[in-house]
Amino acid sequence: MASGHYELTKSSNGQYHFNLKASNGEIILSSEMYASKASAENGIASVQTNSPHEAQFEVKISGNNKPYFVLKAKNHQVIGTSQMYSSDSAAKNGVQSVIKNGPTTDVRDLSA
């Protein structure tokens, strides 16, 4: 069975960022920008550790009334943010997808 993977990329300003993608290639969680590759890799490790725990997720409502969710570390720092969803149930399905795919050790370094 195919599972998700992380893609680690470097932006044009030299900062690093990662996305967690589901097995269908859809981005299900995005990180903030990190100053160093090591920090981004630590962020991935934090998602791998925290994503199996539903209590670490918080569903929120954006300014334009669209639900989305964040994944928080144990220290309550946000380590990933979802896309905007059309409904609360779609956002909850997204959380379940991150719970399922987040622990993957498949990290694809596209930053070179």
N, C-alpha and C. Protein backbone atom coordinates (compact mmCIF):
# COMPACT_ATOMS: atom_id res chain seq x y z
N MET A 1 0.84 -1.19 0.00
CA MET A 1 0.00 0.00 0.00
C MET A 1 0.88 1.25 0.00
N ALA A 2 0.57 2.19 -0.88
CA ALA A 2 1.34 3.43 -0.96
C ALA A 2 1.03 4.29 0.26
N SER A 3 2.05 4.99 0.71
CA SER A 3 1.83 5.90 1.82
C SER A 3 2.37 7.27 1.44
N GLY A 4 2.18 8.21 2.32
CA GLY A 4 2.61 9.57 2.03
C GLY A 4 4.12 9.73 2.15
N HIS A 5 4.57 10.95 1.85
CA HIS A 5 5.99 11.27 1.97
C HIS A 5 6.16 12.77 2.22
N TYR A 6 7.34 13.11 2.67
CA TYR A 6 7.71 14.52 2.86
C TYR A 6 8.53 14.98 1.67
N GLU A 7 8.34 16.23 1.28
CA GLU A 7 9.19 16.85 0.29
C GLU A 7 9.83 18.07 0.94
N LEU A 8 11.16 18.07 0.99
CA LEU A 8 11.93 19.16 1.57
C LEU A 8 12.47 20.01 0.43
N THR A 9 12.14 21.29 0.43
CA THR A 9 12.55 22.17 -0.66
C THR A 9 13.24 23.41 -0.12
N LYS A 10 13.97 24.07 -1.01
CA LYS A 10 14.65 25.32 -0.68
C LYS A 10 14.02 26.41 -1.53
N SER A 11 13.63 27.50 -0.89
CA SER A 11 12.98 28.59 -1.63
C SER A 11 14.04 29.51 -2.25
N SER A 12 13.59 30.41 -3.09
CA SER A 12 14.51 31.31 -3.78
C SER A 12 15.25 32.24 -2.81
N ASN A 13 14.70 32.44 -1.61
CA ASN A 13 15.39 33.29 -0.63
C ASN A 13 16.34 32.50 0.26
N GLY A 14 16.55 31.22 -0.06
CA GLY A 14 17.52 30.42 0.68
C GLY A 14 16.97 29.72 1.91
N GLN A 15 15.67 29.90 2.18
CA GLN A 15 15.08 29.24 3.33
C GLN A 15 14.51 27.88 2.92
N TYR A 16 14.28 27.02 3.92
CA TYR A 16 13.81 25.66 3.70
C TYR A 16 12.37 25.51 4.16
N HIS A 17 11.68 24.56 3.55
CA HIS A 17 10.25 24.36 3.77
C HIS A 17 9.95 22.90 3.45
N PHE A 18 8.96 22.33 4.13
CA PHE A 18 8.56 20.97 3.74
C PHE A 18 7.06 20.87 3.64
N ASN A 19 6.64 19.92 2.82
CA ASN A 19 5.24 19.54 2.69
C ASN A 19 5.12 18.06 2.97
N LEU A 20 4.06 17.69 3.65
CA LEU A 20 3.69 16.28 3.78
C LEU A 20 2.63 16.03 2.72
N LYS A 21 2.89 15.02 1.89
CA LYS A 21 1.95 14.69 0.82
C LYS A 21 1.33 13.33 1.07
N ALA A 22 0.05 13.21 0.77
CA ALA A 22 -0.64 11.93 0.85
C ALA A 22 -0.19 11.05 -0.32
N SER A 23 -0.58 9.80 -0.29
CA SER A 23 -0.17 8.86 -1.34
C SER A 23 -0.65 9.30 -2.73
N ASN A 24 -1.70 10.13 -2.79
CA ASN A 24 -2.20 10.61 -4.08
C ASN A 24 -1.46 11.88 -4.54
N GLY A 25 -0.44 12.31 -3.76
CA GLY A 25 0.34 13.49 -4.14
C GLY A 25 -0.21 14.81 -3.63
N GLU A 26 -1.37 14.77 -2.98
CA GLU A 26 -1.97 15.99 -2.46
C GLU A 26 -1.22 16.46 -1.21
N ILE A 27 -0.96 17.77 -1.13
CA ILE A 27 -0.31 18.33 0.07
C ILE A 27 -1.33 18.34 1.20
N ILE A 28 -0.98 17.70 2.33
CA ILE A 28 -1.91 17.64 3.46
C ILE A 28 -1.40 18.42 4.67
N LEU A 29 -0.12 18.83 4.65
CA LEU A 29 0.42 19.64 5.74
C LEU A 29 1.64 20.38 5.20
N SER A 30 1.73 21.67 5.54
CA SER A 30 2.87 22.50 5.11
C SER A 30 3.53 23.12 6.32
N SER A 31 4.85 23.25 6.23
CA SER A 31 5.60 23.86 7.33
C SER A 31 5.77 25.35 7.12
N GLU A 32 6.30 25.98 8.16
CA GLU A 32 6.75 27.36 8.04
C GLU A 32 8.08 27.35 7.29
N MET A 33 8.64 28.53 7.06
CA MET A 33 9.98 28.63 6.47
C MET A 33 11.02 28.49 7.58
N TYR A 34 12.08 27.77 7.29
CA TYR A 34 13.17 27.57 8.23
C TYR A 34 14.45 28.17 7.66
N ALA A 35 15.28 28.75 8.52
CA ALA A 35 16.53 29.37 8.08
C ALA A 35 17.55 28.34 7.64
N SER A 36 17.50 27.14 8.21
CA SER A 36 18.49 26.12 7.86
C SER A 36 17.82 24.81 7.52
N LYS A 37 18.54 24.00 6.76
CA LYS A 37 18.05 22.68 6.39
C LYS A 37 17.89 21.82 7.64
N ALA A 38 18.83 21.92 8.59
CA ALA A 38 18.75 21.13 9.82
C ALA A 38 17.47 21.46 10.60
N SER A 39 17.10 22.72 10.64
CA SER A 39 15.87 23.12 11.34
C SER A 39 14.64 22.53 10.66
N ALA A 40 14.64 22.53 9.33
CA ALA A 40 13.52 21.94 8.59
C ALA A 40 13.45 20.44 8.85
N GLU A 41 14.62 19.78 8.89
CA GLU A 41 14.64 18.34 9.18
C GLU A 41 14.15 18.06 10.59
N ASN A 42 14.46 18.94 11.53
CA ASN A 42 13.92 18.81 12.90
C ASN A 42 12.40 18.98 12.88
N GLY A 43 11.90 19.88 12.03
CA GLY A 43 10.46 20.07 11.89
C GLY A 43 9.78 18.81 11.38
N ILE A 44 10.40 18.16 10.40
CA ILE A 44 9.86 16.89 9.88
C ILE A 44 9.82 15.85 11.00
N ALA A 45 10.91 15.76 11.76
CA ALA A 45 10.97 14.80 12.87
C ALA A 45 9.87 15.08 13.89
N SER A 46 9.60 16.37 14.12
CA SER A 46 8.54 16.74 15.07
C SER A 46 7.16 16.32 14.55
N VAL A 47 6.93 16.48 13.24
CA VAL A 47 5.66 16.02 12.66
C VAL A 47 5.55 14.50 12.78
N GLN A 48 6.66 13.79 12.50
CA GLN A 48 6.64 12.34 12.61
C GLN A 48 6.28 11.90 14.03
N THR A 49 6.77 12.62 15.02
CA THR A 49 6.52 12.29 16.43
C THR A 49 5.11 12.66 16.88
N ASN A 50 4.63 13.85 16.47
CA ASN A 50 3.37 14.38 16.98
C ASN A 50 2.14 14.02 16.17
N SER A 51 2.31 13.71 14.88
CA SER A 51 1.13 13.48 14.02
C SER A 51 0.27 12.29 14.40
N PRO A 52 0.80 11.23 15.05
CA PRO A 52 -0.10 10.12 15.41
C PRO A 52 -1.07 10.46 16.54
N HIS A 53 -0.92 11.61 17.17
CA HIS A 53 -1.71 11.96 18.36
C HIS A 53 -2.77 13.01 18.02
N GLU A 54 -4.01 12.57 17.95
CA GLU A 54 -5.10 13.47 17.55
C GLU A 54 -5.19 14.71 18.43
N ALA A 55 -4.79 14.60 19.69
CA ALA A 55 -4.85 15.74 20.61
C ALA A 55 -3.91 16.87 20.20
N GLN A 56 -2.95 16.58 19.33
CA GLN A 56 -1.99 17.61 18.91
C GLN A 56 -2.53 18.46 17.76
N PHE A 57 -3.72 18.15 17.26
CA PHE A 57 -4.33 18.90 16.16
C PHE A 57 -5.35 19.89 16.70
N GLU A 58 -5.47 21.01 16.01
CA GLU A 58 -6.50 21.98 16.34
C GLU A 58 -7.13 22.47 15.05
N VAL A 59 -8.45 22.29 14.92
CA VAL A 59 -9.17 22.79 13.76
C VAL A 59 -9.54 24.24 14.04
N LYS A 60 -9.26 25.10 13.07
CA LYS A 60 -9.52 26.54 13.22
C LYS A 60 -10.36 27.02 12.03
N ILE A 61 -10.82 28.24 12.10
CA ILE A 61 -11.58 28.84 11.01
C ILE A 61 -10.79 30.06 10.51
N SER A 62 -10.56 30.12 9.20
CA SER A 62 -9.80 31.23 8.62
C SER A 62 -10.66 32.50 8.57
N GLY A 63 -10.03 33.59 8.18
CA GLY A 63 -10.72 34.87 8.06
C GLY A 63 -11.87 34.83 7.07
N ASN A 64 -11.80 33.94 6.07
CA ASN A 64 -12.89 33.85 5.10
C ASN A 64 -13.80 32.65 5.38
N ASN A 65 -13.84 32.27 6.68
CA ASN A 65 -14.76 31.23 7.16
C ASN A 65 -14.50 29.83 6.61
N LYS A 66 -13.27 29.54 6.23
CA LYS A 66 -12.92 28.20 5.76
C LYS A 66 -12.20 27.47 6.89
N PRO A 67 -12.60 26.21 7.15
CA PRO A 67 -11.89 25.45 8.19
C PRO A 67 -10.52 24.99 7.70
N TYR A 68 -9.58 24.95 8.62
CA TYR A 68 -8.26 24.38 8.36
C TYR A 68 -7.76 23.86 9.70
N PHE A 69 -6.60 23.21 9.71
CA PHE A 69 -6.09 22.73 10.98
C PHE A 69 -4.59 22.97 11.09
N VAL A 70 -4.14 22.98 12.33
CA VAL A 70 -2.71 23.06 12.61
C VAL A 70 -2.32 21.85 13.44
N LEU A 71 -1.07 21.45 13.29
CA LEU A 71 -0.49 20.40 14.12
C LEU A 71 0.50 21.08 15.04
N LYS A 72 0.37 20.82 16.32
CA LYS A 72 1.24 21.46 17.31
C LYS A 72 2.15 20.43 17.97
N ALA A 73 3.34 20.88 18.33
CA ALA A 73 4.26 20.07 19.12
C ALA A 73 3.77 20.07 20.57
N LYS A 74 4.39 19.27 21.40
CA LYS A 74 3.99 19.19 22.81
C LYS A 74 4.12 20.54 23.52
N ASN A 75 5.03 21.40 23.02
CA ASN A 75 5.21 22.74 23.62
C ASN A 75 4.22 23.76 23.04
N HIS A 76 3.25 23.28 22.28
CA HIS A 76 2.17 24.08 21.68
C HIS A 76 2.62 24.93 20.50
N GLN A 77 3.85 24.75 20.03
CA GLN A 77 4.31 25.47 18.84
C GLN A 77 3.72 24.80 17.61
N VAL A 78 3.22 25.60 16.68
CA VAL A 78 2.65 25.07 15.44
C VAL A 78 3.79 24.55 14.56
N ILE A 79 3.69 23.29 14.12
CA ILE A 79 4.73 22.71 13.27
C ILE A 79 4.23 22.42 11.86
N GLY A 80 2.94 22.58 11.64
CA GLY A 80 2.40 22.39 10.29
C GLY A 80 1.00 22.93 10.20
N THR A 81 0.63 23.38 8.99
CA THR A 81 -0.68 23.96 8.73
C THR A 81 -1.26 23.29 7.49
N SER A 82 -2.55 23.06 7.52
CA SER A 82 -3.22 22.43 6.37
C SER A 82 -3.65 23.49 5.37
N GLN A 83 -4.17 23.00 4.27
CA GLN A 83 -4.85 23.85 3.29
C GLN A 83 -6.19 24.30 3.89
N MET A 84 -6.89 25.16 3.19
CA MET A 84 -8.26 25.53 3.57
C MET A 84 -9.20 24.46 3.02
N TYR A 85 -10.19 24.11 3.82
CA TYR A 85 -11.15 23.08 3.41
C TYR A 85 -12.53 23.70 3.21
N SER A 86 -13.37 22.98 2.48
CA SER A 86 -14.72 23.46 2.17
C SER A 86 -15.68 23.23 3.32
N SER A 87 -15.36 22.28 4.20
CA SER A 87 -16.27 21.97 5.30
C SER A 87 -15.49 21.44 6.49
N ASP A 88 -16.15 21.45 7.63
CA ASP A 88 -15.55 20.94 8.86
C ASP A 88 -15.21 19.46 8.71
N SER A 89 -16.12 18.70 8.08
CA SER A 89 -15.88 17.26 7.93
C SER A 89 -14.69 17.01 7.00
N ALA A 90 -14.52 17.84 5.97
CA ALA A 90 -13.36 17.69 5.08
C ALA A 90 -12.07 17.97 5.85
N ALA A 91 -12.08 18.97 6.73
CA ALA A 91 -10.90 19.27 7.54
C ALA A 91 -10.59 18.11 8.48
N LYS A 92 -11.63 17.52 9.06
CA LYS A 92 -11.42 16.37 9.96
C LYS A 92 -10.85 15.17 9.20
N ASN A 93 -11.28 14.99 7.94
CA ASN A 93 -10.70 13.94 7.10
C ASN A 93 -9.23 14.23 6.83
N GLY A 94 -8.90 15.51 6.66
CA GLY A 94 -7.50 15.91 6.47
C GLY A 94 -6.66 15.56 7.68
N VAL A 95 -7.19 15.81 8.88
CA VAL A 95 -6.49 15.45 10.12
C VAL A 95 -6.21 13.95 10.12
N GLN A 96 -7.21 13.15 9.77
CA GLN A 96 -7.03 11.69 9.76
C GLN A 96 -5.95 11.28 8.76
N SER A 97 -5.88 11.98 7.64
CA SER A 97 -4.86 11.69 6.64
C SER A 97 -3.46 11.99 7.18
N VAL A 98 -3.31 13.09 7.92
CA VAL A 98 -2.01 13.42 8.51
C VAL A 98 -1.66 12.42 9.60
N ILE A 99 -2.65 12.00 10.40
CA ILE A 99 -2.40 10.98 11.42
C ILE A 99 -1.86 9.71 10.76
N LYS A 100 -2.43 9.34 9.61
CA LYS A 100 -2.03 8.13 8.90
C LYS A 100 -0.67 8.28 8.21
N ASN A 101 -0.46 9.41 7.55
CA ASN A 101 0.74 9.60 6.71
C ASN A 101 1.90 10.26 7.42
N GLY A 102 1.65 10.99 8.50
CA GLY A 102 2.70 11.76 9.18
C GLY A 102 3.88 10.96 9.68
N PRO A 103 3.67 9.74 10.20
CA PRO A 103 4.81 8.98 10.72
C PRO A 103 5.77 8.44 9.65
N THR A 104 5.47 8.61 8.36
CA THR A 104 6.33 8.05 7.31
C THR A 104 7.77 8.54 7.44
N THR A 105 8.70 7.68 7.10
CA THR A 105 10.11 8.05 7.10
C THR A 105 10.60 8.34 5.69
N ASP A 106 9.67 8.39 4.73
CA ASP A 106 10.01 8.69 3.34
C ASP A 106 10.14 10.21 3.19
N VAL A 107 11.40 10.69 3.21
CA VAL A 107 11.67 12.12 3.07
C VAL A 107 12.45 12.32 1.78
N ARG A 108 11.89 13.11 0.89
CA ARG A 108 12.51 13.36 -0.42
C ARG A 108 13.12 14.77 -0.40
N ASP A 109 14.44 14.81 -0.41
CA ASP A 109 15.16 16.08 -0.34
C ASP A 109 15.28 16.67 -1.74
N LEU A 110 14.50 17.72 -2.02
CA LEU A 110 14.52 18.38 -3.31
C LEU A 110 15.22 19.73 -3.22
N SER A 111 15.97 19.93 -2.14
CA SER A 111 16.57 21.24 -1.88
C SER A 111 17.89 21.46 -2.59
N ALA A 112 18.45 20.43 -3.18
CA ALA A 112 19.78 20.57 -3.80
C ALA A 112 19.70 21.29 -5.14
